[in-house]
PDB file of N, CA and C in Angstrom:
ATOM      1  N   MET A   1      -8.050  -7.329   5.665  1.00  0.00           N
ATOM      2  CA  MET A   1      -6.629  -7.802   6.101  1.00  0.00           C
ATOM      3  C   MET A   1      -6.273  -8.390   4.754  1.00  0.00           C
ATOM      4  N   THR A   2      -4.967  -8.713   4.726  1.00  0.00           N
ATOM      5  CA  THR A   2      -4.583  -9.252   3.659  1.00  0.00           C
ATOM      6  C   THR A   2      -4.171 -10.797   3.487  1.00  0.00           C
ATOM      7  N   LYS A   3      -4.814 -11.355   4.482  1.00  0.00           N
ATOM      8  CA  LYS A   3      -4.867 -12.850   4.538  1.00  0.00           C
ATOM      9  C   LYS A   3      -4.868 -13.551   3.369  1.00  0.00           C
ATOM     10  N   GLY A   4      -5.749 -13.497   2.432  1.00  0.00           N
ATOM     11  CA  GLY A   4      -6.039 -14.237   1.176  1.00  0.00           C
ATOM     12  C   GLY A   4      -5.164 -13.325  -0.073  1.00  0.00           C
ATOM     13  N   LEU A   5      -4.553 -12.256   0.073  1.00  0.00           N
ATOM     14  CA  LEU A   5      -4.146 -11.351  -1.029  1.00  0.00           C
ATOM     15  C   LEU A   5      -2.717 -11.932  -1.057  1.00  0.00           C
ATOM     16  N   THR A   6      -2.427 -12.290  -2.578  1.00  0.00           N
ATOM     17  CA  THR A   6      -1.164 -12.669  -2.784  1.00  0.00           C
ATOM     18  C   THR A   6      -0.869 -12.157  -3.960  1.00  0.00           C
ATOM     19  N   THR A   7       0.517 -11.942  -4.476  1.00  0.00           N
ATOM     20  CA  THR A   7       0.892 -11.277  -5.660  1.00  0.00           C
ATOM     21  C   THR A   7       0.415 -12.056  -6.974  1.00  0.00           C
ATOM     22  N   TRP A   8       0.155 -13.228  -6.701  1.00  0.00           N
ATOM     23  CA  TRP A   8      -0.447 -14.021  -7.944  1.00  0.00           C
ATOM     24  C   TRP A   8      -2.040 -13.504  -8.121  1.00  0.00           C
ATOM     25  N   LYS A   9      -2.581 -13.156  -7.153  1.00  0.00           N
ATOM     26  CA  LYS A   9      -4.162 -12.791  -7.127  1.00  0.00           C
ATOM     27  C   LYS A   9      -3.839 -11.526  -7.576  1.00  0.00           C
ATOM     28  N   ILE A  10      -3.276 -10.777  -7.254  1.00  0.00           N
ATOM     29  CA  ILE A  10      -3.039  -9.262  -7.595  1.00  0.00           C
ATOM     30  C   ILE A  10      -2.852  -9.170  -9.079  1.00  0.00           C
ATOM     31  N   ASP A  11      -2.044  -9.944  -9.476  1.00  0.00           N
ATOM     32  CA  ASP A  11      -1.561  -9.964 -10.956  1.00  0.00           C
ATOM     33  C   ASP A  11      -2.858 -10.335 -11.617  1.00  0.00           C
ATOM     34  N   GLN A  12      -3.534 -11.054 -11.260  1.00  0.00           N
ATOM     35  CA  GLN A  12      -4.583 -11.636 -11.890  1.00  0.00           C
ATOM     36  C   GLN A  12      -5.873 -10.616 -12.104  1.00  0.00           C
ATOM     37  N   LEU A  13      -6.038  -9.938 -10.847  1.00  0.00           N
ATOM     38  CA  LEU A  13      -6.988  -8.553 -10.969  1.00  0.00           C
ATOM     39  C   LEU A  13      -6.451  -7.778 -11.840  1.00  0.00           C
ATOM     40  N   ILE A  14      -5.028  -7.347 -11.990  1.00  0.00           N
ATOM     41  CA  ILE A  14      -4.562  -6.314 -12.928  1.00  0.00           C
ATOM     42  C   ILE A  14      -4.889  -6.622 -14.341  1.00  0.00           C
ATOM     43  N   LYS A  15      -4.634  -8.099 -14.619  1.00  0.00           N
ATOM     44  CA  LYS A  15      -4.983  -8.502 -16.179  1.00  0.00           C
ATOM     45  C   LYS A  15      -6.289  -8.527 -16.431  1.00  0.00           C
ATOM     46  N   GLU A  16      -7.464  -8.573 -15.562  1.00  0.00           N
ATOM     47  CA  GLU A  16      -8.772  -8.443 -15.735  1.00  0.00           C
ATOM     48  C   GLU A  16      -9.197  -6.880 -15.861  1.00  0.00           C
ATOM     49  N   ASN A  17      -8.593  -6.143 -15.092  1.00  0.00           N
ATOM     50  CA  ASN A  17      -8.642  -4.555 -15.369  1.00  0.00           C
ATOM     51  C   ASN A  17      -8.104  -3.991 -16.733  1.00  0.00           C
ATOM     52  N   GLU A  18      -7.098  -4.718 -17.154  1.00  0.00           N
ATOM     53  CA  GLU A  18      -6.474  -4.532 -18.269  1.00  0.00           C
ATOM     54  C   GLU A  18      -7.336  -4.496 -19.665  1.00  0.00           C
ATOM     55  N   VAL A  19      -7.925  -5.767 -19.597  1.00  0.00           N
ATOM     56  CA  VAL A  19      -9.167  -6.339 -20.410  1.00  0.00           C
ATOM     57  C   VAL A  19     -10.156  -5.338 -20.450  1.00  0.00           C
ATOM     58  N   LEU A  20     -10.661  -5.050 -19.274  1.00  0.00           N
ATOM     59  CA  LEU A  20     -11.752  -4.022 -19.238  1.00  0.00           C
ATOM     60  C   LEU A  20     -11.404  -2.740 -19.773  1.00  0.00           C
ATOM     61  N   SER A  21     -10.491  -2.189 -19.374  1.00  0.00           N
ATOM     62  CA  SER A  21      -9.823  -1.008 -19.658  1.00  0.00           C
ATOM     63  C   SER A  21      -9.615  -0.774 -21.396  1.00  0.00           C
ATOM     64  N   SER A  22      -9.003  -1.978 -21.953  1.00  0.00           N
ATOM     65  CA  SER A  22      -8.858  -1.862 -23.218  1.00  0.00           C
ATOM     66  C   SER A  22     -10.161  -1.866 -23.968  1.00  0.00           C
ATOM     67  N   GLY A  23     -11.174  -2.550 -23.608  1.00  0.00           N
ATOM     68  CA  GLY A  23     -12.449  -2.313 -24.158  1.00  0.00           C
ATOM     69  C   GLY A  23     -13.296  -1.132 -24.096  1.00  0.00           C
ATOM     70  N   LEU A  24     -12.802  -0.252 -23.021  1.00  0.00           N
ATOM     71  CA  LEU A  24     -13.539   0.829 -22.885  1.00  0.00           C
ATOM     72  C   LEU A  24     -12.693   2.235 -23.448  1.00  0.00           C
ATOM     73  N   ASN A  25     -11.613   2.206 -23.802  1.00  0.00           N
ATOM     74  CA  ASN A  25     -10.813   3.128 -24.489  1.00  0.00           C
ATOM     75  C   ASN A  25     -11.123   3.056 -25.933  1.00  0.00           C
ATOM     76  N   PHE A  26     -12.518   3.431 -26.122  1.00  0.00           N
ATOM     77  CA  PHE A  26     -12.642   3.294 -27.865  1.00  0.00           C
ATOM     78  C   PHE A  26     -12.500   4.562 -28.641  1.00  0.00           C
ATOM     79  N   ASP A  27     -12.613   5.587 -27.706  1.00  0.00           N
ATOM     80  CA  ASP A  27     -12.592   7.107 -28.222  1.00  0.00           C
ATOM     81  C   ASP A  27     -11.420   7.775 -27.592  1.00  0.00           C
ATOM     82  N   ARG A  28     -10.411   8.505 -28.378  1.00  0.00           N
ATOM     83  CA  ARG A  28      -9.509   9.324 -27.701  1.00  0.00           C
ATOM     84  C   ARG A  28      -9.824  10.255 -26.451  1.00  0.00           C
ATOM     85  N   ASN A  29     -11.080  10.602 -26.690  1.00  0.00           N
ATOM     86  CA  ASN A  29     -11.781  11.689 -25.834  1.00  0.00           C
ATOM     87  C   ASN A  29     -12.098  11.378 -24.570  1.00  0.00           C
ATOM     88  N   ASN A  30     -12.260  10.026 -24.378  1.00  0.00           N
ATOM     89  CA  ASN A  30     -12.497   9.339 -23.221  1.00  0.00           C
ATOM     90  C   ASN A  30     -11.531   9.373 -22.040  1.00  0.00           C
ATOM     91  N   PHE A  31     -11.498  10.048 -21.357  1.00  0.00           N
ATOM     92  CA  PHE A  31     -10.536  10.209 -19.929  1.00  0.00           C
ATOM     93  C   PHE A  31     -10.823   9.597 -18.830  1.00  0.00           C
ATOM     94  N   ASN A  32     -12.140   9.026 -18.801  1.00  0.00           N
ATOM     95  CA  ASN A  32     -12.569   8.551 -17.333  1.00  0.00           C
ATOM     96  C   ASN A  32     -12.370   7.069 -17.558  1.00  0.00           C
ATOM     97  N   ASP A  33     -11.210   6.457 -16.920  1.00  0.00           N
ATOM     98  CA  ASP A  33     -11.035   5.007 -17.091  1.00  0.00           C
ATOM     99  C   ASP A  33     -10.933   4.652 -15.771  1.00  0.00           C
ATOM    100  N   PRO A  34     -12.106   4.146 -14.864  1.00  0.00           N
ATOM    101  CA  PRO A  34     -11.921   3.583 -13.514  1.00  0.00           C
ATOM    102  C   PRO A  34     -10.948   2.386 -13.487  1.00  0.00           C
ATOM    103  N   TYR A  35     -10.669   1.469 -14.736  1.00  0.00           N
ATOM    104  CA  TYR A  35     -10.042   0.263 -14.657  1.00  0.00           C
ATOM    105  C   TYR A  35      -8.551   0.550 -14.518  1.00  0.00           C
ATOM    106  N   GLU A  36      -8.181   1.795 -15.319  1.00  0.00           N
ATOM    107  CA  GLU A  36      -6.771   2.196 -15.119  1.00  0.00           C
ATOM    108  C   GLU A  36      -6.400   2.411 -13.865  1.00  0.00           C
ATOM    109  N   ARG A  37      -7.304   3.349 -13.072  1.00  0.00           N
ATOM    110  CA  ARG A  37      -7.044   3.590 -11.887  1.00  0.00           C
ATOM    111  C   ARG A  37      -6.967   2.616 -10.866  1.00  0.00           C
ATOM    112  N   GLU A  38      -7.766   1.425 -11.095  1.00  0.00           N
ATOM    113  CA  GLU A  38      -7.586   0.313 -10.452  1.00  0.00           C
ATOM    114  C   GLU A  38      -6.347  -0.478 -10.501  1.00  0.00           C
ATOM    115  N   ILE A  39      -6.109  -0.377 -11.663  1.00  0.00           N
ATOM    116  CA  ILE A  39      -4.694  -1.247 -12.068  1.00  0.00           C
ATOM    117  C   ILE A  39      -3.622  -0.213 -11.029  1.00  0.00           C
ATOM    118  N   GLU A  40      -3.512   0.941 -11.226  1.00  0.00           N
ATOM    119  CA  GLU A  40      -2.699   1.838 -10.350  1.00  0.00           C
ATOM    120  C   GLU A  40      -2.765   1.454  -9.203  1.00  0.00           C
ATOM    121  N   ARG A  41      -3.911   1.281  -8.346  1.00  0.00           N
ATOM    122  CA  ARG A  41      -4.048   0.880  -6.842  1.00  0.00           C
ATOM    123  C   ARG A  41      -3.434  -0.420  -6.786  1.00  0.00           C
ATOM    124  N   LEU A  42      -3.848  -1.260  -7.629  1.00  0.00           N
ATOM    125  CA  LEU A  42      -3.349  -2.751  -7.226  1.00  0.00           C
ATOM    126  C   LEU A  42      -1.826  -2.862  -7.344  1.00  0.00           C
ATOM    127  N   SER A  43      -1.439  -1.897  -8.475  1.00  0.00           N
ATOM    128  CA  SER A  43       0.072  -2.064  -8.572  1.00  0.00           C
ATOM    129  C   SER A  43       0.943  -1.381  -7.134  1.00  0.00           C
ATOM    130  N   VAL A  44       0.349  -0.790  -6.683  1.00  0.00           N
ATOM    131  CA  VAL A  44       0.926  -0.063  -5.323  1.00  0.00           C
ATOM    132  C   VAL A  44       0.687  -1.182  -4.166  1.00  0.00           C
ATOM    133  N   MET A  45      -0.516  -1.598  -4.015  1.00  0.00           N
ATOM    134  CA  MET A  45      -0.888  -2.835  -3.025  1.00  0.00           C
ATOM    135  C   MET A  45       0.149  -3.952  -3.178  1.00  0.00           C
ATOM    136  N   ARG A  46       0.737  -4.414  -4.685  1.00  0.00           N
ATOM    137  CA  ARG A  46       1.233  -5.387  -4.742  1.00  0.00           C
ATOM    138  C   ARG A  46       2.718  -5.106  -3.945  1.00  0.00           C
ATOM    139  N   VAL A  47       3.237  -4.077  -4.156  1.00  0.00           N
ATOM    140  CA  VAL A  47       4.308  -3.525  -3.336  1.00  0.00           C
ATOM    141  C   VAL A  47       4.350  -3.944  -1.864  1.00  0.00           C
ATOM    142  N   PHE A  48       3.489  -3.835  -1.352  1.00  0.00           N
ATOM    143  CA  PHE A  48       3.178  -3.838  -0.020  1.00  0.00           C
ATOM    144  C   PHE A  48       3.112  -5.456   0.423  1.00  0.00           C
ATOM    145  N   VAL A  49       2.336  -6.030  -0.455  1.00  0.00           N
ATOM    146  CA  VAL A  49       2.244  -7.228  -0.152  1.00  0.00           C
ATOM    147  C   VAL A  49       3.618  -8.163  -0.486  1.00  0.00           C
ATOM    148  N   GLU A  50       4.359  -7.793  -1.526  1.00  0.00           N
ATOM    149  CA  GLU A  50       5.679  -8.424  -1.922  1.00  0.00           C
ATOM    150  C   GLU A  50       6.530  -8.294  -0.437  1.00  0.00           C
ATOM    151  N   ALA A  51       6.488  -6.994  -0.009  1.00  0.00           N
ATOM    152  CA  ALA A  51       7.515  -6.606   1.399  1.00  0.00           C
ATOM    153  C   ALA A  51       6.904  -7.285   2.680  1.00  0.00           C
ATOM    154  N   GLY A  52       5.841  -7.938   2.607  1.00  0.00           N
ATOM    155  CA  GLY A  52       5.097  -8.806   3.695  1.00  0.00           C
ATOM    156  C   GLY A  52       4.642  -7.794   4.682  1.00  0.00           C
ATOM    157  N   VAL A  53       4.243  -6.484   4.262  1.00  0.00           N
ATOM    158  CA  VAL A  53       3.523  -5.552   5.260  1.00  0.00           C
ATOM    159  C   VAL A  53       2.192  -5.858   5.481  1.00  0.00           C
ATOM    160  N   PRO A  54       1.658  -6.106   6.578  1.00  0.00           N
ATOM    161  CA  PRO A  54       0.017  -6.516   6.706  1.00  0.00           C
ATOM    162  C   PRO A  54      -0.606  -4.952   6.823  1.00  0.00           C
ATOM    163  N   PHE A  55      -1.666  -5.146   5.893  1.00  0.00           N
ATOM    164  CA  PHE A  55      -2.460  -3.651   5.692  1.00  0.00           C
ATOM    165  C   PHE A  55      -3.879  -4.169   5.486  1.00  0.00           C
ATOM    166  N   GLU A  56      -4.931  -3.279   6.178  1.00  0.00           N
ATOM    167  CA  GLU A  56      -6.158  -3.346   5.698  1.00  0.00           C
ATOM    168  C   GLU A  56      -6.724  -2.338   4.620  1.00  0.00           C
ATOM    169  N   LEU A  57      -7.467  -2.740   3.895  1.00  0.00           N
ATOM    170  CA  LEU A  57      -8.327  -2.068   2.832  1.00  0.00           C
ATOM    171  C   LEU A  57      -9.139  -1.099   3.627  1.00  0.00           C
ATOM    172  N   ASP A  58      -9.265   0.123   3.251  1.00  0.00           N
ATOM    173  CA  ASP A  58     -10.140   1.075   3.957  1.00  0.00           C
ATOM    174  C   ASP A  58     -11.497   0.933   3.024  1.00  0.00           C
ATOM    175  N   ALA A  59     -12.778   1.301   3.597  1.00  0.00           N
ATOM    176  CA  ALA A  59     -13.969   1.060   2.763  1.00  0.00           C
ATOM    177  C   ALA A  59     -14.025   1.917   1.501  1.00  0.00           C
ATOM    178  N   SER A  60     -13.326   2.910   1.223  1.00  0.00           N
ATOM    179  CA  SER A  60     -13.441   3.756   0.030  1.00  0.00           C
ATOM    180  C   SER A  60     -12.535   2.946  -1.081  1.00  0.00           C
ATOM    181  N   GLY A  61     -11.391   2.054  -0.600  1.00  0.00           N
ATOM    182  CA  GLY A  61     -10.736   1.554  -1.377  1.00  0.00           C
ATOM    183  C   GLY A  61      -9.578   2.285  -1.960  1.00  0.00           C
ATOM    184  N   GLY A  62      -9.789   3.588  -1.490  1.00  0.00           N
ATOM    185  CA  GLY A  62      -8.298   4.473  -2.055  1.00  0.00           C
ATOM    186  C   GLY A  62      -7.197   4.366  -1.052  1.00  0.00           C
ATOM    187  N   THR A  63      -7.203   3.810  -0.007  1.00  0.00           N
ATOM    188  CA  THR A  63      -6.509   3.976   1.182  1.00  0.00           C
ATOM    189  C   THR A  63      -6.383   2.737   1.782  1.00  0.00           C
ATOM    190  N   ILE A  64      -5.370   2.348   2.402  1.00  0.00           N
ATOM    191  CA  ILE A  64      -5.070   1.226   3.288  1.00  0.00           C
ATOM    192  C   ILE A  64      -4.267   1.677   4.540  1.00  0.00           C
ATOM    193  N   LEU A  65      -4.682   0.980   5.459  1.00  0.00           N
ATOM    194  CA  LEU A  65      -4.199   1.207   6.799  1.00  0.00           C
ATOM    195  C   LEU A  65      -3.172   0.017   7.282  1.00  0.00           C
ATOM    196  N   ILE A  66      -1.969   0.438   7.373  1.00  0.00           N
ATOM    197  CA  ILE A  66      -0.585   0.084   7.713  1.00  0.00           C
ATOM    198  C   ILE A  66      -0.431  -0.327   8.943  1.00  0.00           C
ATOM    199  N   GLU A  67      -0.424  -1.562   9.394  1.00  0.00           N
ATOM    200  CA  GLU A  67       0.023  -1.865  10.665  1.00  0.00           C
ATOM    201  C   GLU A  67      -1.045  -1.169  11.903  1.00  0.00           C
ATOM    202  N   GLY A  68      -2.120  -0.678  11.535  1.00  0.00           N
ATOM    203  CA  GLY A  68      -3.066   0.072  12.282  1.00  0.00           C
ATOM    204  C   GLY A  68      -2.600   1.551  12.709  1.00  0.00           C
ATOM    205  N   LYS A  69      -1.529   1.919  12.040  1.00  0.00           N
ATOM    206  CA  LYS A  69      -1.155   3.277  12.393  1.00  0.00           C
ATOM    207  C   LYS A  69      -0.842   4.129  11.239  1.00  0.00           C
ATOM    208  N   TYR A  70      -0.550   3.779  10.143  1.00  0.00           N
ATOM    209  CA  TYR A  70      -0.250   4.443   8.839  1.00  0.00           C
ATOM    210  C   TYR A  70      -1.534   4.562   8.098  1.00  0.00           C
ATOM    211  N   VAL A  71      -1.741   5.655   7.328  1.00  0.00           N
ATOM    212  CA  VAL A  71      -2.874   5.606   6.188  1.00  0.00           C
ATOM    213  C   VAL A  71      -2.389   6.138   5.068  1.00  0.00           C
ATOM    214  N   TYR A  72      -2.206   5.247   3.975  1.00  0.00           N
ATOM    215  CA  TYR A  72      -1.556   5.247   2.910  1.00  0.00           C
ATOM    216  C   TYR A  72      -2.591   5.523   1.679  1.00  0.00           C
ATOM    217  N   ALA A  73      -2.300   6.639   0.911  1.00  0.00           N
ATOM    218  CA  ALA A  73      -3.092   6.856  -0.250  1.00  0.00           C
ATOM    219  C   ALA A  73      -2.699   6.036  -1.448  1.00  0.00           C
ATOM    220  N   LEU A  74      -3.290   5.064  -2.232  1.00  0.00           N
ATOM    221  CA  LEU A  74      -2.624   4.457  -3.059  1.00  0.00           C
ATOM    222  C   LEU A  74      -2.307   5.109  -4.472  1.00  0.00           C
ATOM    223  N   ARG A  75      -2.993   6.176  -4.939  1.00  0.00           N
ATOM    224  CA  ARG A  75      -2.840   6.587  -6.076  1.00  0.00           C
ATOM    225  C   ARG A  75      -1.886   7.909  -5.931  1.00  0.00           C
ATOM    226  N   SER A  76      -2.125   8.588  -4.877  1.00  0.00           N
ATOM    227  CA  SER A  76      -1.476   9.863  -4.720  1.00  0.00           C
ATOM    228  C   SER A  76       0.107   9.648  -3.984  1.00  0.00           C
ATOM    229  N   ARG A  77       0.001   8.497  -3.608  1.00  0.00           N
ATOM    230  CA  ARG A  77       1.296   7.876  -2.773  1.00  0.00           C
ATOM    231  C   ARG A  77       1.519   9.009  -1.740  1.00  0.00           C
ATOM    232  N   LYS A  78       0.743   9.429  -0.881  1.00  0.00           N
ATOM    233  CA  LYS A  78       0.896  10.294   0.177  1.00  0.00           C
ATOM    234  C   LYS A  78       0.287   9.543   1.437  1.00  0.00           C
ATOM    235  N   TRP A  79       0.891   9.829   2.870  1.00  0.00           N
ATOM    236  CA  TRP A  79       0.592   9.008   3.677  1.00  0.00           C
ATOM    237  C   TRP A  79       0.504   9.893   4.989  1.00  0.00           C
ATOM    238  N   ARG A  80      -0.202   9.360   6.141  1.00  0.00           N
ATOM    239  CA  ARG A  80      -0.222  10.301   7.237  1.00  0.00           C
ATOM    240  C   ARG A  80      -0.425   9.364   8.130  1.00  0.00           C
ATOM    241  N   VAL A  81      -0.364   9.760   9.469  1.00  0.00           N
ATOM    242  CA  VAL A  81      -0.320   8.808  10.970  1.00  0.00           C
ATOM    243  C   VAL A  81      -2.144   8.993  10.863  1.00  0.00           C
ATOM    244  N   LYS A  82      -2.576   7.796  11.486  1.00  0.00           N
ATOM    245  CA  LYS A  82      -3.924   7.522  11.943  1.00  0.00           C
ATOM    246  C   LYS A  82      -4.536   8.732  12.981  1.00  0.00           C
ATOM    247  N   GLY A  83      -5.235   9.525  12.403  1.00  0.00           N
ATOM    248  CA  GLY A  83      -5.770  10.334  13.605  1.00  0.00           C
ATOM    249  C   GLY A  83      -5.337  11.770  13.224  1.00  0.00           C
ATOM    250  N   SER A  84      -4.033  11.857  12.346  1.00  0.00           N
ATOM    251  CA  SER A  84      -3.708  13.275  12.035  1.00  0.00           C
ATOM    252  C   SER A  84      -4.266  13.729  10.496  1.00  0.00           C
ATOM    253  N   ALA A  85      -4.072  14.933  10.697  1.00  0.00           N
ATOM    254  CA  ALA A  85      -4.630  15.414   9.232  1.00  0.00           C
ATOM    255  C   ALA A  85      -3.671  15.782   8.143  1.00  0.00           C
ATOM    256  N   VAL A  86      -2.390  15.874   8.729  1.00  0.00           N
ATOM    257  CA  VAL A  86      -1.189  16.478   7.776  1.00  0.00           C
ATOM    258  C   VAL A  86      -0.729  15.169   7.186  1.00  0.00           C
ATOM    259  N   TRP A  87      -0.996  15.243   5.871  1.00  0.00           N
ATOM    260  CA  TRP A  87      -0.484  14.332   4.777  1.00  0.00           C
ATOM    261  C   TRP A  87       1.028  14.481   4.343  1.00  0.00           C
ATOM    262  N   TYR A  88       1.697  13.337   4.108  1.00  0.00           N
ATOM    263  CA  TYR A  88       3.274  13.791   3.710  1.00  0.00           C
ATOM    264  C   TYR A  88       3.458  13.116   2.282  1.00  0.00           C
ATOM    265  N   ARG A  89       4.456  13.400   1.351  1.00  0.00           N
ATOM    266  CA  ARG A  89       4.339  12.579   0.294  1.00  0.00           C
ATOM    267  C   ARG A  89       5.672  11.706   0.555  1.00  0.00           C
ATOM    268  N   THR A  90       5.663  10.761  -0.372  1.00  0.00           N
ATOM    269  CA  THR A  90       6.731   9.653  -0.574  1.00  0.00           C
ATOM    270  C   THR A  90       7.117   9.526  -1.754  1.00  0.00           C
ATOM    271  N   ARG A  91       8.443   8.990  -1.901  1.00  0.00           N
ATOM    272  CA  ARG A  91       8.748   8.931  -3.381  1.00  0.00           C
ATOM    273  C   ARG A  91       8.107   7.687  -4.268  1.00  0.00           C
ATOM    274  N   SER A  92       8.038   6.579  -3.314  1.00  0.00           N
ATOM    275  CA  SER A  92       7.651   5.500  -4.078  1.00  0.00           C
ATOM    276  C   SER A  92       6.852   4.508  -2.759  1.00  0.00           C
ATOM    277  N   PRO A  93       6.224   3.479  -3.015  1.00  0.00           N
ATOM    278  CA  PRO A  93       5.648   2.672  -2.083  1.00  0.00           C
ATOM    279  C   PRO A  93       6.696   1.923  -1.302  1.00  0.00           C
ATOM    280  N   ALA A  94       7.802   1.273  -2.275  1.00  0.00           N
ATOM    281  CA  ALA A  94       8.928   0.804  -1.599  1.00  0.00           C
ATOM    282  C   ALA A  94       9.747   1.673  -0.707  1.00  0.00           C
ATOM    283  N   ASP A  95      10.049   2.938  -1.040  1.00  0.00           N
ATOM    284  CA  ASP A  95      10.707   3.815  -0.070  1.00  0.00           C
ATOM    285  C   ASP A  95       9.952   4.027   1.089  1.00  0.00           C
ATOM    286  N   PHE A  96       8.743   4.105   1.253  1.00  0.00           N
ATOM    287  CA  PHE A  96       7.937   4.268   2.264  1.00  0.00           C
ATOM    288  C   PHE A  96       8.159   2.992   3.227  1.00  0.00           C
ATOM    289  N   VAL A  97       7.957   1.579   2.682  1.00  0.00           N
ATOM    290  CA  VAL A  97       8.375   0.483   3.451  1.00  0.00           C
ATOM    291  C   VAL A  97       9.645   0.551   3.982  1.00  0.00           C
ATOM    292  N   LYS A  98      10.681   0.955   3.437  1.00  0.00           N
ATOM    293  CA  LYS A  98      12.032   0.853   3.838  1.00  0.00           C
ATOM    294  C   LYS A  98      12.098   1.935   4.857  1.00  0.00           C
ATOM    295  N   ARG A  99      11.625   3.090   4.872  1.00  0.00           N
ATOM    296  CA  ARG A  99      12.119   4.229   5.623  1.00  0.00           C
ATOM    297  C   ARG A  99      11.176   4.128   6.963  1.00  0.00           C
ATOM    298  N   PHE A 100       9.893   3.643   6.794  1.00  0.00           N
ATOM    299  CA  PHE A 100       9.171   3.722   7.963  1.00  0.00           C
ATOM    300  C   PHE A 100       8.825   2.258   8.719  1.00  0.00           C
ATOM    301  N   ILE A 101       8.430   1.458   7.828  1.00  0.00           N
ATOM    302  CA  ILE A 101       7.793   0.135   8.463  1.00  0.00           C
ATOM    303  C   ILE A 101       9.084  -0.661   8.947  1.00  0.00           C
ATOM    304  N   LYS A 102      10.151  -0.685   7.794  1.00  0.00           N
ATOM    305  CA  LYS A 102      11.401  -2.046   8.309  1.00  0.00           C
ATOM    306  C   LYS A 102      12.116  -0.933   9.103  1.00  0.00           C
ATOM    307  N   LYS A 103      12.197   0.208   9.020  1.00  0.00           N
ATOM    308  CA  LYS A 103      13.107   0.889  10.247  1.00  0.00           C
ATOM    309  C   LYS A 103      12.240   0.699  11.629  1.00  0.00           C
ATOM    310  N   ALA A 104      10.989   0.886  11.751  1.00  0.00           N
ATOM    311  CA  ALA A 104      10.015   0.874  12.946  1.00  0.00           C
ATOM    312  C   ALA A 104      10.441  -0.228  13.197  1.00  0.00           C
ATOM    313  N   THR A 105      10.225  -1.276  12.758  1.00  0.00           N
ATOM    314  CA  THR A 105      10.483  -2.676  13.188  1.00  0.00           C
ATOM    315  C   THR A 105      11.850  -3.075  13.701  1.00  0.00           C
ATOM    316  N   GLU A 106      12.628  -2.677  13.068  1.00  0.00           N
ATOM    317  CA  GLU A 106      14.168  -2.974  13.397  1.00  0.00           C
ATOM    318  C   GLU A 106      14.503  -2.129  14.942  1.00  0.00           C
ATOM    319  N   ASP A 107      13.920  -0.967  14.863  1.00  0.00           N
ATOM    320  CA  ASP A 107      14.214  -0.090  15.991  1.00  0.00           C
ATOM    321  C   ASP A 107      13.560  -0.806  17.546  1.00  0.00           C
ATOM    322  N   LYS A 108      12.335  -1.278  17.130  1.00  0.00           N
ATOM    323  CA  LYS A 108      11.740  -1.845  18.126  1.00  0.00           C
ATOM    324  C   LYS A 108      12.440  -3.217  18.604  1.00  0.00           C
ATOM    325  N   ARG A 109      13.020  -4.002  17.754  1.00  0.00           N
ATOM    326  CA  ARG A 109      13.584  -5.093  17.960  1.00  0.00           C
ATOM    327  C   ARG A 109      14.969  -4.664  18.795  1.00  0.00           C
ATOM    328  N   LEU A 110      15.484  -3.776  18.471  1.00  0.00           N
ATOM    329  CA  LEU A 110      16.817  -3.197  19.170  1.00  0.00           C
ATOM    330  C   LEU A 110      16.433  -2.830  20.607  1.00  0.00           C
ATOM    331  N   ARG A 111      15.110  -1.931  20.672  1.00  0.00           N
ATOM    332  CA  ARG A 111      14.652  -1.773  21.980  1.00  0.00           C
ATOM    333  C   ARG A 111      14.250  -2.969  23.099  1.00  0.00           C
ATOM    334  N   GLU A 112      13.905  -4.009  22.357  1.00  0.00           N
ATOM    335  CA  GLU A 112      13.539  -4.996  23.082  1.00  0.00           C
ATOM    336  C   GLU A 112      14.828  -5.816  23.436  1.00  0.00           C
ATOM    337  N   ILE A 113      15.860  -5.646  22.729  1.00  0.00           N
ATOM    338  CA  ILE A 113      17.134  -6.459  22.978  1.00  0.00           C
ATOM    339  C   ILE A 113      17.949  -5.695  24.234  1.00  0.00           C
ATOM    340  N   GLU A 114      17.897  -4.341  24.177  1.00  0.00           N
ATOM    341  CA  GLU A 114      18.453  -3.541  25.018  1.00  0.00           C
ATOM    342  C   GLU A 114      17.668  -3.682  26.714  1.00  0.00           C
ATOM    343  N   HIS A 115      16.244  -3.859  26.359  1.00  0.00           N
ATOM    344  CA  HIS A 115      15.589  -3.871  27.471  1.00  0.00           C
ATOM    345  C   HIS A 115      16.112  -5.276  28.409  1.00  0.00           C
ATOM    346  N   SER A 116      16.018  -6.415  27.274  1.00  0.00           N
ATOM    347  CA  SER A 116      16.213  -7.790  28.134  1.00  0.00           C
ATOM    348  C   SER A 116      17.679  -7.635  28.658  1.00  0.00           C
ATOM    349  N   ALA A 117      18.687  -6.883  27.807  1.00  0.00           N
ATOM    350  CA  ALA A 117      19.885  -7.165  28.341  1.00  0.00           C
ATOM    351  C   ALA A 117      20.187  -6.204  29.514  1.00  0.00           C
ATOM    352  N   SER A 118      19.394  -5.086  29.860  1.00  0.00           N
ATOM    353  CA  SER A 118      19.459  -4.458  31.008  1.00  0.00           C
ATOM    354  C   SER A 118      18.978  -5.183  32.347  1.00  0.00           C
ATOM    355  N   MET A 119      17.989  -6.279  32.308  1.00  0.00           N
ATOM    356  CA  MET A 119      17.410  -6.653  33.023  1.00  0.00           C
ATOM    357  C   MET A 119      18.460  -7.639  33.790  1.00  0.00           C
ATOM    358  N   PHE A 120      19.724  -8.201  33.243  1.00  0.00           N
ATOM    359  CA  PHE A 120      20.511  -8.843  33.812  1.00  0.00           C
ATOM    360  C   PHE A 120      21.564  -8.120  34.563  1.00  0.00           C
TER     361      PHE A 120
END
């Protein structure tokens, strides 16, 4: 869960990984940089935290589960519905939040309003 995860904490983790990454890249032929990959994952998670979207980290660390429904791959920026095998591309994490998360909550709120209005 993202209870204790804030943008400040993510920024601190990014800074730590930047320091570790700078010490690792001593050779131009060194292409394997796990710290750079972690920085990329943290940057994407920061977008979801800023948007106020609740999510859970997967055990592998490469994907997150958003609202118990969507699985989002942090580095490839692909997503799928939990239980489905089909992956979809998205332009950016902010676009995903705007098109699927925020729209779904607005649609749900409108349905609740319509349902309560029809009861009278």
